[in-house]
Every structure is written in C-alpha cells, then in structure tokens.
Amino acid sequence: MNIIDREKHKEFSSLLLQCKQYLRTDFKVHIAANSEVGDHCLMYALSDSIHPQFAHPCQHQHNLVCVTCEQLKDATLSIQKLLECTNIVGENEKLNDMILKSSNPFKVSII
C-alpha cells in the first residue's frame, strides 16, 4: 500500500526477523515459573487480574526487562502508530484490520 519507504521497510523487516528468531529459539529458554522479568514469568503471564479465580500473585518483583522482548513491543507499537497516522482513501478497512492485528503482537498459540 506504499505506506513506508524502502529504507523503513528494510529496518522493520530486519527488526521483526530478529524478534522472530528470538521467539523461536531463546525465548523458551528464558521462561521460568518465577522470573523477575515480567515477560518471562509464567505465574505472571498465566494470571488473570480481571477474574480472581484465575489469578496467582507472584512472590517476587518484576524489576528486570528483556531487551529483545522490549524491542518487539517497540517495533509493533511503531508499526501500529504508523498505520494509525496513515490516511489512504478507500483503504480504511484494510488499515483498521492491520491496526487490530498489530495491537496484540503476543497473541500466540501454545499448541
């Protein structure tokens, strides 16, 4: 849809490829039942703050961050902002679909 130039496209593609490789290889090694990195803590990830019957409070602080997980969040947020600022006549439905898909980058299937 010619929303971004070639340079930005290469930059996003490279960053997303790095994040994809991380999620396929190293991410599973970093997951732990009780991790101080919020993105790697199973108790935190599997708890539901809205439904107390599905909540399990962590006995530790999440005071560390994973640089690669933060890169992925930043990349998807940048893409989402770029799409929201784009106004192409006749393409609003496609753009809304892309924005919706980019708003939850961590929606993955465990199976």
PDB file of N, CA and C in Angstrom:
ATOM      1  N   MET A   1       0.822  -1.199   0.000  1.00  0.00           N
ATOM      2  CA  MET A   1       0.000   0.000   0.000  1.00  0.00           C
ATOM      3  C   MET A   1       0.861   1.257   0.000  1.00  0.00           C
ATOM      4  N   ASN A   2       2.191   1.098  -0.092  1.00  0.00           N
ATOM      5  CA  ASN A   2       3.118   2.226  -0.158  1.00  0.00           C
ATOM      6  C   ASN A   2       2.985   3.168   1.033  1.00  0.00           C
ATOM      7  N   ILE A   3       2.891   2.608   2.218  1.00  0.00           N
ATOM      8  CA  ILE A   3       2.770   3.410   3.431  1.00  0.00           C
ATOM      9  C   ILE A   3       4.141   3.902   3.886  1.00  0.00           C
ATOM     10  N   ILE A   4       5.163   3.066   3.711  1.00  0.00           N
ATOM     11  CA  ILE A   4       6.507   3.435   4.143  1.00  0.00           C
ATOM     12  C   ILE A   4       7.484   3.314   2.973  1.00  0.00           C
ATOM     13  N   ASP A   5       8.622   3.972   3.118  1.00  0.00           N
ATOM     14  CA  ASP A   5       9.639   3.899   2.074  1.00  0.00           C
ATOM     15  C   ASP A   5      10.479   2.625   2.230  1.00  0.00           C
ATOM     16  N   ARG A   6      11.337   2.370   1.269  1.00  0.00           N
ATOM     17  CA  ARG A   6      12.145   1.143   1.254  1.00  0.00           C
ATOM     18  C   ARG A   6      13.057   1.032   2.479  1.00  0.00           C
ATOM     19  N   GLU A   7      13.650   2.143   2.852  1.00  0.00           N
ATOM     20  CA  GLU A   7      14.576   2.147   3.995  1.00  0.00           C
ATOM     21  C   GLU A   7      13.859   1.708   5.280  1.00  0.00           C
ATOM     22  N   LYS A   8      12.696   2.306   5.541  1.00  0.00           N
ATOM     23  CA  LYS A   8      11.917   1.964   6.743  1.00  0.00           C
ATOM     24  C   LYS A   8      11.443   0.513   6.661  1.00  0.00           C
ATOM     25  N   HIS A   9      11.070   0.066   5.477  1.00  0.00           N
ATOM     26  CA  HIS A   9      10.626  -1.309   5.278  1.00  0.00           C
ATOM     27  C   HIS A   9      11.751  -2.284   5.618  1.00  0.00           C
ATOM     28  N   LYS A  10      12.964  -1.991   5.156  1.00  0.00           N
ATOM     29  CA  LYS A  10      14.120  -2.845   5.467  1.00  0.00           C
ATOM     30  C   LYS A  10      14.383  -2.874   6.965  1.00  0.00           C
ATOM     31  N   GLU A  11      14.276  -1.704   7.579  1.00  0.00           N
ATOM     32  CA  GLU A  11      14.518  -1.592   9.023  1.00  0.00           C
ATOM     33  C   GLU A  11      13.508  -2.427   9.813  1.00  0.00           C
ATOM     34  N   PHE A  12      12.217  -2.267   9.503  1.00  0.00           N
ATOM     35  CA  PHE A  12      11.182  -3.046  10.185  1.00  0.00           C
ATOM     36  C   PHE A  12      11.339  -4.540   9.915  1.00  0.00           C
ATOM     37  N   SER A  13      11.617  -4.899   8.687  1.00  0.00           N
ATOM     38  CA  SER A  13      11.772  -6.316   8.327  1.00  0.00           C
ATOM     39  C   SER A  13      12.918  -6.952   9.086  1.00  0.00           C
ATOM     40  N   SER A  14      14.040  -6.256   9.152  1.00  0.00           N
ATOM     41  CA  SER A  14      15.211  -6.773   9.872  1.00  0.00           C
ATOM     42  C   SER A  14      14.914  -6.949  11.357  1.00  0.00           C
ATOM     43  N   LEU A  15      14.304  -5.931  11.955  1.00  0.00           N
ATOM     44  CA  LEU A  15      13.979  -5.989  13.384  1.00  0.00           C
ATOM     45  C   LEU A  15      12.982  -7.105  13.681  1.00  0.00           C
ATOM     46  N   LEU A  16      11.948  -7.226  12.854  1.00  0.00           N
ATOM     47  CA  LEU A  16      10.951  -8.278  13.072  1.00  0.00           C
ATOM     48  C   LEU A  16      11.535  -9.665  12.838  1.00  0.00           C
ATOM     49  N   LEU A  17      12.471  -9.800  11.929  1.00  0.00           N
ATOM     50  CA  LEU A  17      13.137 -11.082  11.713  1.00  0.00           C
ATOM     51  C   LEU A  17      13.974 -11.465  12.930  1.00  0.00           C
ATOM     52  N   GLN A  18      14.690 -10.504  13.495  1.00  0.00           N
ATOM     53  CA  GLN A  18      15.467 -10.762  14.713  1.00  0.00           C
ATOM     54  C   GLN A  18      14.555 -11.205  15.857  1.00  0.00           C
ATOM     55  N   CYS A  19      13.423 -10.516  16.009  1.00  0.00           N
ATOM     56  CA  CYS A  19      12.477 -10.870  17.074  1.00  0.00           C
ATOM     57  C   CYS A  19      11.882 -12.246  16.834  1.00  0.00           C
ATOM     58  N   LYS A  20      11.571 -12.562  15.604  1.00  0.00           N
ATOM     59  CA  LYS A  20      11.024 -13.874  15.268  1.00  0.00           C
ATOM     60  C   LYS A  20      12.022 -14.975  15.615  1.00  0.00           C
ATOM     61  N   GLN A  21      13.286 -14.766  15.274  1.00  0.00           N
ATOM     62  CA  GLN A  21      14.316 -15.748  15.591  1.00  0.00           C
ATOM     63  C   GLN A  21      14.455 -15.921  17.101  1.00  0.00           C
ATOM     64  N   TYR A  22      14.385 -14.819  17.843  1.00  0.00           N
ATOM     65  CA  TYR A  22      14.463 -14.892  19.303  1.00  0.00           C
ATOM     66  C   TYR A  22      13.295 -15.699  19.865  1.00  0.00           C
ATOM     67  N   LEU A  23      12.078 -15.425  19.382  1.00  0.00           N
ATOM     68  CA  LEU A  23      10.906 -16.147  19.889  1.00  0.00           C
ATOM     69  C   LEU A  23      10.967 -17.628  19.555  1.00  0.00           C
ATOM     70  N   ARG A  24      11.551 -17.983  18.433  1.00  0.00           N
ATOM     71  CA  ARG A  24      11.657 -19.392  18.044  1.00  0.00           C
ATOM     72  C   ARG A  24      12.772 -20.130  18.769  1.00  0.00           C
ATOM     73  N   THR A  25      13.805 -19.433  19.208  1.00  0.00           N
ATOM     74  CA  THR A  25      14.964 -20.113  19.786  1.00  0.00           C
ATOM     75  C   THR A  25      15.146 -19.830  21.275  1.00  0.00           C
ATOM     76  N   ASP A  26      15.534 -18.630  21.630  1.00  0.00           N
ATOM     77  CA  ASP A  26      15.947 -18.319  23.002  1.00  0.00           C
ATOM     78  C   ASP A  26      14.810 -18.043  23.974  1.00  0.00           C
ATOM     79  N   PHE A  27      13.669 -17.597  23.504  1.00  0.00           N
ATOM     80  CA  PHE A  27      12.582 -17.211  24.410  1.00  0.00           C
ATOM     81  C   PHE A  27      12.183 -18.354  25.336  1.00  0.00           C
ATOM     82  N   LYS A  28      12.037 -19.555  24.798  1.00  0.00           N
ATOM     83  CA  LYS A  28      11.602 -20.696  25.608  1.00  0.00           C
ATOM     84  C   LYS A  28      12.616 -21.052  26.693  1.00  0.00           C
ATOM     85  N   VAL A  29      13.873 -20.725  26.477  1.00  0.00           N
ATOM     86  CA  VAL A  29      14.906 -20.999  27.481  1.00  0.00           C
ATOM     87  C   VAL A  29      14.784 -20.029  28.653  1.00  0.00           C
ATOM     88  N   HIS A  30      14.294 -18.830  28.399  1.00  0.00           N
ATOM     89  CA  HIS A  30      14.194 -17.801  29.428  1.00  0.00           C
ATOM     90  C   HIS A  30      12.929 -17.908  30.280  1.00  0.00           C
ATOM     91  N   ILE A  31      11.938 -18.662  29.836  1.00  0.00           N
ATOM     92  CA  ILE A  31      10.688 -18.801  30.575  1.00  0.00           C
ATOM     93  C   ILE A  31      10.939 -19.570  31.871  1.00  0.00           C
ATOM     94  N   ALA A  32      10.395 -19.063  32.973  1.00  0.00           N
ATOM     95  CA  ALA A  32      10.533 -19.723  34.276  1.00  0.00           C
ATOM     96  C   ALA A  32       9.271 -19.471  35.092  1.00  0.00           C
ATOM     97  N   ALA A  33       9.018 -20.349  36.035  1.00  0.00           N
ATOM     98  CA  ALA A  33       7.830 -20.217  36.883  1.00  0.00           C
ATOM     99  C   ALA A  33       7.859 -18.906  37.664  1.00  0.00           C
ATOM    100  N   ASN A  34       9.026 -18.520  38.116  1.00  0.00           N
ATOM    101  CA  ASN A  34       9.183 -17.291  38.892  1.00  0.00           C
ATOM    102  C   ASN A  34      10.374 -16.506  38.370  1.00  0.00           C
ATOM    103  N   SER A  35      10.133 -15.668  37.388  1.00  0.00           N
ATOM    104  CA  SER A  35      11.192 -14.848  36.803  1.00  0.00           C
ATOM    105  C   SER A  35      10.964 -13.392  37.173  1.00  0.00           C
ATOM    106  N   GLU A  36      12.062 -12.678  37.398  1.00  0.00           N
ATOM    107  CA  GLU A  36      11.961 -11.253  37.700  1.00  0.00           C
ATOM    108  C   GLU A  36      11.701 -10.416  36.451  1.00  0.00           C
ATOM    109  N   VAL A  37      11.777 -11.041  35.270  1.00  0.00           N
ATOM    110  CA  VAL A  37      11.406 -10.393  34.013  1.00  0.00           C
ATOM    111  C   VAL A  37       9.937 -10.720  33.778  1.00  0.00           C
ATOM    112  N   GLY A  38       9.098  -9.716  33.758  1.00  0.00           N
ATOM    113  CA  GLY A  38       7.656  -9.935  33.627  1.00  0.00           C
ATOM    114  C   GLY A  38       7.270 -10.730  32.393  1.00  0.00           C
ATOM    115  N   ASP A  39       7.973 -10.513  31.286  1.00  0.00           N
ATOM    116  CA  ASP A  39       7.665 -11.225  30.043  1.00  0.00           C
ATOM    117  C   ASP A  39       8.069 -12.693  30.087  1.00  0.00           C
ATOM    118  N   HIS A  40       8.885 -13.072  31.067  1.00  0.00           N
ATOM    119  CA  HIS A  40       9.369 -14.450  31.156  1.00  0.00           C
ATOM    120  C   HIS A  40       8.763 -15.209  32.343  1.00  0.00           C
ATOM    121  N   CYS A  41       7.939 -14.571  33.136  1.00  0.00           N
ATOM    122  CA  CYS A  41       7.380 -15.171  34.349  1.00  0.00           C
ATOM    123  C   CYS A  41       6.064 -15.890  34.038  1.00  0.00           C
ATOM    124  N   LEU A  42       6.039 -17.203  34.228  1.00  0.00           N
ATOM    125  CA  LEU A  42       4.830 -17.978  33.948  1.00  0.00           C
ATOM    126  C   LEU A  42       3.687 -17.617  34.888  1.00  0.00           C
ATOM    127  N   MET A  43       3.966 -17.443  36.166  1.00  0.00           N
ATOM    128  CA  MET A  43       2.907 -17.099  37.122  1.00  0.00           C
ATOM    129  C   MET A  43       2.235 -15.779  36.743  1.00  0.00           C
ATOM    130  N   TYR A  44       3.023 -14.821  36.338  1.00  0.00           N
ATOM    131  CA  TYR A  44       2.500 -13.517  35.943  1.00  0.00           C
ATOM    132  C   TYR A  44       1.731 -13.621  34.626  1.00  0.00           C
ATOM    133  N   ALA A  45       2.293 -14.338  33.672  1.00  0.00           N
ATOM    134  CA  ALA A  45       1.672 -14.444  32.347  1.00  0.00           C
ATOM    135  C   ALA A  45       0.358 -15.211  32.380  1.00  0.00           C
ATOM    136  N   LEU A  46       0.262 -16.210  33.235  1.00  0.00           N
ATOM    137  CA  LEU A  46      -0.930 -17.051  33.272  1.00  0.00           C
ATOM    138  C   LEU A  46      -1.987 -16.573  34.260  1.00  0.00           C
ATOM    139  N   SER A  47      -1.711 -15.505  34.984  1.00  0.00           N
ATOM    140  CA  SER A  47      -2.679 -14.953  35.924  1.00  0.00           C
ATOM    141  C   SER A  47      -3.592 -13.964  35.220  1.00  0.00           C
ATOM    142  N   ASP A  48      -4.828 -13.924  35.676  1.00  0.00           N
ATOM    143  CA  ASP A  48      -5.819 -13.015  35.097  1.00  0.00           C
ATOM    144  C   ASP A  48      -6.249 -12.033  36.185  1.00  0.00           C
ATOM    145  N   SER A  49      -5.918 -10.772  36.001  1.00  0.00           N
ATOM    146  CA  SER A  49      -6.237  -9.762  37.014  1.00  0.00           C
ATOM    147  C   SER A  49      -7.728  -9.452  37.076  1.00  0.00           C
ATOM    148  N   ILE A  50      -8.464  -9.749  36.021  1.00  0.00           N
ATOM    149  CA  ILE A  50      -9.896  -9.461  35.982  1.00  0.00           C
ATOM    150  C   ILE A  50     -10.705 -10.535  36.720  1.00  0.00           C
ATOM    151  N   HIS A  51     -10.308 -11.790  36.583  1.00  0.00           N
ATOM    152  CA  HIS A  51     -11.011 -12.905  37.213  1.00  0.00           C
ATOM    153  C   HIS A  51     -10.150 -13.480  38.344  1.00  0.00           C
ATOM    154  N   PRO A  52     -10.475 -13.183  39.590  1.00  0.00           N
ATOM    155  CA  PRO A  52      -9.654 -13.602  40.727  1.00  0.00           C
ATOM    156  C   PRO A  52      -9.447 -15.117  40.832  1.00  0.00           C
ATOM    157  N   GLN A  53     -10.410 -15.900  40.345  1.00  0.00           N
ATOM    158  CA  GLN A  53     -10.249 -17.349  40.424  1.00  0.00           C
ATOM    159  C   GLN A  53      -9.126 -17.854  39.517  1.00  0.00           C
ATOM    160  N   PHE A  54      -8.688 -17.008  38.584  1.00  0.00           N
ATOM    161  CA  PHE A  54      -7.600 -17.375  37.686  1.00  0.00           C
ATOM    162  C   PHE A  54      -6.332 -16.560  37.958  1.00  0.00           C
ATOM    163  N   ALA A  55      -6.266 -15.939  39.106  1.00  0.00           N
ATOM    164  CA  ALA A  55      -5.117 -15.103  39.458  1.00  0.00           C
ATOM    165  C   ALA A  55      -4.223 -15.826  40.462  1.00  0.00           C
ATOM    166  N   HIS A  56      -2.940 -15.640  40.299  1.00  0.00           N
ATOM    167  CA  HIS A  56      -1.961 -16.182  41.239  1.00  0.00           C
ATOM    168  C   HIS A  56      -0.893 -15.109  41.424  1.00  0.00           C
ATOM    169  N   PRO A  57      -0.855 -14.488  42.592  1.00  0.00           N
ATOM    170  CA  PRO A  57       0.117 -13.409  42.791  1.00  0.00           C
ATOM    171  C   PRO A  57       1.545 -13.941  42.850  1.00  0.00           C
ATOM    172  N   CYS A  58       2.449 -13.190  42.276  1.00  0.00           N
ATOM    173  CA  CYS A  58       3.862 -13.549  42.324  1.00  0.00           C
ATOM    174  C   CYS A  58       4.435 -13.163  43.690  1.00  0.00           C
ATOM    175  N   GLN A  59       5.391 -13.943  44.135  1.00  0.00           N
ATOM    176  CA  GLN A  59       6.050 -13.675  45.416  1.00  0.00           C
ATOM    177  C   GLN A  59       7.348 -12.880  45.207  1.00  0.00           C
ATOM    178  N   HIS A  60       7.486 -12.281  44.054  1.00  0.00           N
ATOM    179  CA  HIS A  60       8.697 -11.532  43.714  1.00  0.00           C
ATOM    180  C   HIS A  60       8.319 -10.310  42.889  1.00  0.00           C
ATOM    181  N   GLN A  61       9.278  -9.430  42.696  1.00  0.00           N
ATOM    182  CA  GLN A  61       9.087  -8.224  41.885  1.00  0.00           C
ATOM    183  C   GLN A  61       9.484  -8.508  40.436  1.00  0.00           C
ATOM    184  N   HIS A  62       8.846  -7.829  39.518  1.00  0.00           N
ATOM    185  CA  HIS A  62       9.232  -7.900  38.108  1.00  0.00           C
ATOM    186  C   HIS A  62      10.000  -6.619  37.788  1.00  0.00           C
ATOM    187  N   ASN A  63      11.227  -6.548  38.267  1.00  0.00           N
ATOM    188  CA  ASN A  63      12.006  -5.323  38.134  1.00  0.00           C
ATOM    189  C   ASN A  63      13.091  -5.410  37.060  1.00  0.00           C
ATOM    190  N   LEU A  64      13.128  -6.488  36.300  1.00  0.00           N
ATOM    191  CA  LEU A  64      14.065  -6.619  35.196  1.00  0.00           C
ATOM    192  C   LEU A  64      13.297  -6.634  33.882  1.00  0.00           C
ATOM    193  N   VAL A  65      13.964  -6.253  32.807  1.00  0.00           N
ATOM    194  CA  VAL A  65      13.346  -6.294  31.486  1.00  0.00           C
ATOM    195  C   VAL A  65      14.238  -7.072  30.529  1.00  0.00           C
ATOM    196  N   CYS A  66      13.604  -7.658  29.547  1.00  0.00           N
ATOM    197  CA  CYS A  66      14.318  -8.353  28.479  1.00  0.00           C
ATOM    198  C   CYS A  66      14.421  -7.378  27.305  1.00  0.00           C
ATOM    199  N   VAL A  67      15.634  -7.106  26.878  1.00  0.00           N
ATOM    200  CA  VAL A  67      15.859  -6.139  25.806  1.00  0.00           C
ATOM    201  C   VAL A  67      15.161  -6.575  24.520  1.00  0.00           C
ATOM    202  N   THR A  68      15.228  -7.867  24.194  1.00  0.00           N
ATOM    203  CA  THR A  68      14.623  -8.341  22.952  1.00  0.00           C
ATOM    204  C   THR A  68      13.105  -8.279  23.010  1.00  0.00           C
ATOM    205  N   CYS A  69      12.513  -8.617  24.146  1.00  0.00           N
ATOM    206  CA  CYS A  69      11.051  -8.513  24.294  1.00  0.00           C
ATOM    207  C   CYS A  69      10.612  -7.060  24.176  1.00  0.00           C
ATOM    208  N   GLU A  70      11.388  -6.149  24.736  1.00  0.00           N
ATOM    209  CA  GLU A  70      11.073  -4.726  24.627  1.00  0.00           C
ATOM    210  C   GLU A  70      11.216  -4.241  23.186  1.00  0.00           C
ATOM    211  N   GLN A  71      12.206  -4.768  22.454  1.00  0.00           N
ATOM    212  CA  GLN A  71      12.366  -4.417  21.041  1.00  0.00           C
ATOM    213  C   GLN A  71      11.134  -4.821  20.247  1.00  0.00           C
ATOM    214  N   LEU A  72      10.620  -6.014  20.530  1.00  0.00           N
ATOM    215  CA  LEU A  72       9.430  -6.493  19.821  1.00  0.00           C
ATOM    216  C   LEU A  72       8.228  -5.607  20.125  1.00  0.00           C
ATOM    217  N   LYS A  73       8.068  -5.249  21.380  1.00  0.00           N
ATOM    218  CA  LYS A  73       6.967  -4.351  21.755  1.00  0.00           C
ATOM    219  C   LYS A  73       7.101  -3.000  21.064  1.00  0.00           C
ATOM    220  N   ASP A  74       8.317  -2.458  21.058  1.00  0.00           N
ATOM    221  CA  ASP A  74       8.554  -1.156  20.420  1.00  0.00           C
ATOM    222  C   ASP A  74       8.295  -1.217  18.917  1.00  0.00           C
ATOM    223  N   ALA A  75       8.730  -2.312  18.288  1.00  0.00           N
ATOM    224  CA  ALA A  75       8.542  -2.446  16.839  1.00  0.00           C
ATOM    225  C   ALA A  75       7.065  -2.512  16.492  1.00  0.00           C
ATOM    226  N   THR A  76       6.316  -3.318  17.214  1.00  0.00           N
ATOM    227  CA  THR A  76       4.893  -3.440  16.903  1.00  0.00           C
ATOM    228  C   THR A  76       4.155  -2.141  17.224  1.00  0.00           C
ATOM    229  N   LEU A  77       4.563  -1.456  18.276  1.00  0.00           N
ATOM    230  CA  LEU A  77       3.946  -0.165  18.604  1.00  0.00           C
ATOM    231  C   LEU A  77       4.251   0.872  17.514  1.00  0.00           C
ATOM    232  N   SER A  78       5.476   0.862  17.009  1.00  0.00           N
ATOM    233  CA  SER A  78       5.842   1.794  15.924  1.00  0.00           C
ATOM    234  C   SER A  78       5.022   1.517  14.671  1.00  0.00           C
ATOM    235  N   ILE A  79       4.859   0.248  14.344  1.00  0.00           N
ATOM    236  CA  ILE A  79       4.068  -0.114  13.173  1.00  0.00           C
ATOM    237  C   ILE A  79       2.609   0.294  13.376  1.00  0.00           C
ATOM    238  N   GLN A  80       2.090   0.051  14.566  1.00  0.00           N
ATOM    239  CA  GLN A  80       0.706   0.423  14.859  1.00  0.00           C
ATOM    240  C   GLN A  80       0.509   1.931  14.738  1.00  0.00           C
ATOM    241  N   LYS A  81       1.433   2.720  15.295  1.00  0.00           N
ATOM    242  CA  LYS A  81       1.326   4.183  15.207  1.00  0.00           C
ATOM    243  C   LYS A  81       1.412   4.652  13.760  1.00  0.00           C
ATOM    244  N   LEU A  82       2.298   4.014  12.997  1.00  0.00           N
ATOM    245  CA  LEU A  82       2.439   4.359  11.585  1.00  0.00           C
ATOM    246  C   LEU A  82       1.132   4.112  10.839  1.00  0.00           C
ATOM    247  N   LEU A  83       0.499   2.980  11.128  1.00  0.00           N
ATOM    248  CA  LEU A  83      -0.768   2.654  10.471  1.00  0.00           C
ATOM    249  C   LEU A  83      -1.880   3.600  10.897  1.00  0.00           C
ATOM    250  N   GLU A  84      -1.900   3.969  12.180  1.00  0.00           N
ATOM    251  CA  GLU A  84      -2.937   4.873  12.671  1.00  0.00           C
ATOM    252  C   GLU A  84      -2.805   6.272  12.064  1.00  0.00           C
ATOM    253  N   CYS A  85      -1.582   6.689  11.761  1.00  0.00           N
ATOM    254  CA  CYS A  85      -1.351   8.025  11.199  1.00  0.00           C
ATOM    255  C   CYS A  85      -1.538   8.058   9.686  1.00  0.00           C
ATOM    256  N   THR A  86      -1.683   6.898   9.083  1.00  0.00           N
ATOM    257  CA  THR A  86      -1.819   6.823   7.634  1.00  0.00           C
ATOM    258  C   THR A  86      -3.274   7.025   7.249  1.00  0.00           C
ATOM    259  N   ASN A  87      -3.493   7.822   6.220  1.00  0.00           N
ATOM    260  CA  ASN A  87      -4.846   8.066   5.736  1.00  0.00           C
ATOM    261  C   ASN A  87      -4.855   7.880   4.222  1.00  0.00           C
ATOM    262  N   ILE A  88      -5.188   6.663   3.792  1.00  0.00           N
ATOM    263  CA  ILE A  88      -5.254   6.369   2.367  1.00  0.00           C
ATOM    264  C   ILE A  88      -6.719   6.215   1.999  1.00  0.00           C
ATOM    265  N   VAL A  89      -7.163   6.994   1.050  1.00  0.00           N
ATOM    266  CA  VAL A  89      -8.563   6.982   0.638  1.00  0.00           C
ATOM    267  C   VAL A  89      -8.925   5.599   0.089  1.00  0.00           C
ATOM    268  N   GLY A  90     -10.021   5.042   0.596  1.00  0.00           N
ATOM    269  CA  GLY A  90     -10.513   3.756   0.110  1.00  0.00           C
ATOM    270  C   GLY A  90      -9.850   2.554   0.749  1.00  0.00           C
ATOM    271  N   GLU A  91      -8.868   2.754   1.624  1.00  0.00           N
ATOM    272  CA  GLU A  91      -8.152   1.643   2.239  1.00  0.00           C
ATOM    273  C   GLU A  91      -8.374   1.582   3.753  1.00  0.00           C
ATOM    274  N   ASN A  92      -9.373   2.296   4.259  1.00  0.00           N
ATOM    275  CA  ASN A  92      -9.585   2.362   5.703  1.00  0.00           C
ATOM    276  C   ASN A  92      -9.862   1.000   6.326  1.00  0.00           C
ATOM    277  N   GLU A  93     -10.615   0.142   5.661  1.00  0.00           N
ATOM    278  CA  GLU A  93     -10.939  -1.171   6.217  1.00  0.00           C
ATOM    279  C   GLU A  93      -9.683  -2.030   6.351  1.00  0.00           C
ATOM    280  N   LYS A  94      -8.827  -2.027   5.342  1.00  0.00           N
ATOM    281  CA  LYS A  94      -7.570  -2.782   5.404  1.00  0.00           C
ATOM    282  C   LYS A  94      -6.672  -2.248   6.513  1.00  0.00           C
ATOM    283  N   LEU A  95      -6.586  -0.918   6.619  1.00  0.00           N
ATOM    284  CA  LEU A  95      -5.764  -0.311   7.658  1.00  0.00           C
ATOM    285  C   LEU A  95      -6.288  -0.662   9.048  1.00  0.00           C
ATOM    286  N   ASN A  96      -7.603  -0.632   9.241  1.00  0.00           N
ATOM    287  CA  ASN A  96      -8.179  -0.987  10.536  1.00  0.00           C
ATOM    288  C   ASN A  96      -7.861  -2.439  10.891  1.00  0.00           C
ATOM    289  N   ASP A  97      -7.906  -3.335   9.911  1.00  0.00           N
ATOM    290  CA  ASP A  97      -7.547  -4.738  10.149  1.00  0.00           C
ATOM    291  C   ASP A  97      -6.087  -4.861  10.565  1.00  0.00           C
ATOM    292  N   MET A  98      -5.199  -4.125   9.892  1.00  0.00           N
ATOM    293  CA  MET A  98      -3.774  -4.168  10.237  1.00  0.00           C
ATOM    294  C   MET A  98      -3.525  -3.605  11.631  1.00  0.00           C
ATOM    295  N   ILE A  99      -4.219  -2.532  11.973  1.00  0.00           N
ATOM    296  CA  ILE A  99      -4.061  -1.940  13.307  1.00  0.00           C
ATOM    297  C   ILE A  99      -4.520  -2.924  14.364  1.00  0.00           C
ATOM    298  N   LEU A 100      -5.639  -3.586  14.142  1.00  0.00           N
ATOM    299  CA  LEU A 100      -6.147  -4.573  15.097  1.00  0.00           C
ATOM    300  C   LEU A 100      -5.170  -5.718  15.263  1.00  0.00           C
ATOM    301  N   LYS A 101      -4.608  -6.206  14.166  1.00  0.00           N
ATOM    302  CA  LYS A 101      -3.647  -7.305  14.242  1.00  0.00           C
ATOM    303  C   LYS A 101      -2.355  -6.883  14.930  1.00  0.00           C
ATOM    304  N   SER A 102      -1.923  -5.656  14.735  1.00  0.00           N
ATOM    305  CA  SER A 102      -0.672  -5.206  15.343  1.00  0.00           C
ATOM    306  C   SER A 102      -0.847  -4.802  16.799  1.00  0.00           C
ATOM    307  N   SER A 103      -2.079  -4.628  17.265  1.00  0.00           N
ATOM    308  CA  SER A 103      -2.287  -4.178  18.649  1.00  0.00           C
ATOM    309  C   SER A 103      -2.021  -5.269  19.668  1.00  0.00           C
ATOM    310  N   ASN A 104      -1.984  -6.540  19.261  1.00  0.00           N
ATOM    311  CA  ASN A 104      -1.698  -7.621  20.190  1.00  0.00           C
ATOM    312  C   ASN A 104      -0.674  -8.563  19.578  1.00  0.00           C
ATOM    313  N   PRO A 105       0.616  -8.179  19.629  1.00  0.00           N
ATOM    314  CA  PRO A 105       1.629  -8.985  18.997  1.00  0.00           C
ATOM    315  C   PRO A 105       1.925 -10.287  19.715  1.00  0.00           C
ATOM    316  N   PHE A 106       1.538 -10.394  20.969  1.00  0.00           N
ATOM    317  CA  PHE A 106       1.867 -11.577  21.744  1.00  0.00           C
ATOM    318  C   PHE A 106       0.765 -12.609  21.768  1.00  0.00           C
ATOM    319  N   LYS A 107      -0.260 -12.447  20.916  1.00  0.00           N
ATOM    320  CA  LYS A 107      -1.320 -13.435  20.832  1.00  0.00           C
ATOM    321  C   LYS A 107      -0.766 -14.628  20.068  1.00  0.00           C
ATOM    322  N   VAL A 108      -0.366 -15.662  20.818  1.00  0.00           N
ATOM    323  CA  VAL A 108       0.219 -16.846  20.198  1.00  0.00           C
ATOM    324  C   VAL A 108      -0.519 -18.087  20.657  1.00  0.00           C
ATOM    325  N   SER A 109      -0.399 -19.115  19.891  1.00  0.00           N
ATOM    326  CA  SER A 109      -0.992 -20.399  20.244  1.00  0.00           C
ATOM    327  C   SER A 109       0.061 -21.272  20.878  1.00  0.00           C
ATOM    328  N   ILE A 110      -0.252 -21.893  22.001  1.00  0.00           N
ATOM    329  CA  ILE A 110       0.697 -22.749  22.695  1.00  0.00           C
ATOM    330  C   ILE A 110       0.841 -24.081  21.968  1.00  0.00           C
ATOM    331  N   ILE A 111      -0.203 -24.540  21.337  1.00  0.00           N
ATOM    332  CA  ILE A 111      -0.164 -25.844  20.667  1.00  0.00           C
ATOM    333  C   ILE A 111       0.502 -25.734  19.322  1.00  0.00           C
TER     334      ILE A 111
END
